[in-house]
């Protein structure tokens, strides 16, 4: 079970980093389309200027959770811990 927790930690790290990359890529694509005149530029910029600062720390927290899981911080269950 601990090996599964560590492997899932690696998956969380990768998932968080890929999500950040895809979010920035989508923002760049939509802002470039707005500059070309396909949609309103101000609305598009405002949307992404709000979304990026909100969701980037969430995805970084997902990576941090994965890091702790990968390093084995969750190997000991709460009932098994000796205080």
Protein backbone atom coordinates (compact mmCIF):
# COMPACT_ATOMS: atom_id res chain seq x y z
CA UNK A 1 0.00 0.00 0.00
CA UNK A 2 2.85 2.38 0.75
CA UNK A 3 4.27 1.84 -2.74
CA UNK A 4 0.88 2.77 -4.19
CA UNK A 5 0.82 5.96 -2.09
CA UNK A 6 4.30 6.91 -3.28
CA UNK A 7 3.47 6.22 -6.92
CA UNK A 8 0.26 8.25 -6.65
CA UNK A 9 2.35 11.09 -5.19
CA UNK A 10 4.42 11.15 -8.36
CA UNK A 11 1.21 11.17 -10.40
CA UNK A 12 -0.12 14.17 -8.39
CA UNK A 13 3.10 16.10 -9.03
CA UNK A 14 2.94 15.45 -12.77
CA UNK A 15 -0.78 16.22 -12.88
CA UNK A 16 -0.29 19.55 -11.11
CA UNK A 17 2.55 20.64 -13.38
CA UNK A 18 0.72 19.60 -16.54
CA UNK A 19 -2.39 21.47 -15.40
CA UNK A 20 -0.35 24.66 -14.84
CA UNK A 21 1.28 24.30 -18.25
CA UNK A 22 -2.05 23.73 -20.01
CA UNK A 23 -3.64 26.66 -18.20
CA UNK A 24 -0.89 29.06 -19.32
CA UNK A 25 -0.94 27.63 -22.84
CA UNK A 26 -4.71 28.10 -23.09
CA UNK A 27 -4.43 31.65 -21.73
CA UNK A 28 -1.79 32.50 -24.32
CA UNK A 29 -3.87 31.02 -27.12
CA UNK A 30 -7.04 32.85 -26.13
CA UNK A 31 -5.30 36.18 -25.61
CA UNK A 32 -3.59 35.82 -29.01
CA UNK A 33 -6.97 35.11 -30.64
CA UNK A 34 -8.43 38.16 -28.90
CA UNK A 35 -5.61 40.34 -30.22
CA UNK A 36 -6.37 39.06 -33.73
CA UNK A 37 -9.89 40.41 -33.30
CA UNK A 38 -11.87 37.21 -32.89
CA UNK A 39 -13.18 38.13 -29.44
CA UNK A 40 -13.06 41.09 -27.02
CA UNK A 41 -9.50 41.58 -25.76
CA UNK A 42 -10.30 43.21 -22.43
CA UNK A 43 -12.79 40.51 -21.40
CA UNK A 44 -10.36 37.75 -22.28
CA UNK A 45 -7.44 39.34 -20.45
CA UNK A 46 -9.55 40.07 -17.39
CA UNK A 47 -10.77 36.47 -17.27
CA UNK A 48 -7.26 35.01 -17.39
CA UNK A 49 -5.84 37.64 -15.00
CA UNK A 50 -8.36 36.38 -12.46
CA UNK A 51 -8.13 32.64 -13.20
CA UNK A 52 -4.33 32.29 -13.22
CA UNK A 53 -3.65 33.72 -9.72
CA UNK A 54 -6.48 31.64 -8.26
CA UNK A 55 -5.73 28.26 -9.80
CA UNK A 56 -1.91 28.33 -9.86
CA UNK A 57 -1.58 28.08 -6.03
CA UNK A 58 -4.18 25.30 -6.03
CA UNK A 59 -2.14 23.32 -8.55
CA UNK A 60 1.08 24.04 -6.62
CA UNK A 61 -0.67 22.70 -3.51
CA UNK A 62 -1.49 19.56 -5.47
CA UNK A 63 2.21 19.24 -6.36
CA UNK A 64 3.16 19.77 -2.71
CA UNK A 65 0.71 17.07 -1.62
CA UNK A 66 2.26 14.75 -4.19
CA UNK A 67 5.76 15.60 -2.96
CA UNK A 68 4.89 14.68 0.62
CA UNK A 69 3.23 11.49 -0.55
CA UNK A 70 6.22 10.59 -2.73
CA UNK A 71 8.63 11.15 0.15
CA UNK A 72 6.62 8.83 2.42
CA UNK A 73 5.03 11.30 4.82
CA UNK A 74 1.73 9.43 4.59
CA UNK A 75 3.15 5.95 5.15
CA UNK A 76 2.17 5.96 8.85
CA UNK A 77 -1.56 5.87 9.51
CA UNK A 78 -3.01 8.10 12.26
CA UNK A 79 -3.95 5.16 14.49
CA UNK A 80 -0.48 3.62 14.16
CA UNK A 81 1.47 6.74 15.10
CA UNK A 82 3.37 6.70 18.38
CA UNK A 83 3.31 10.07 20.13
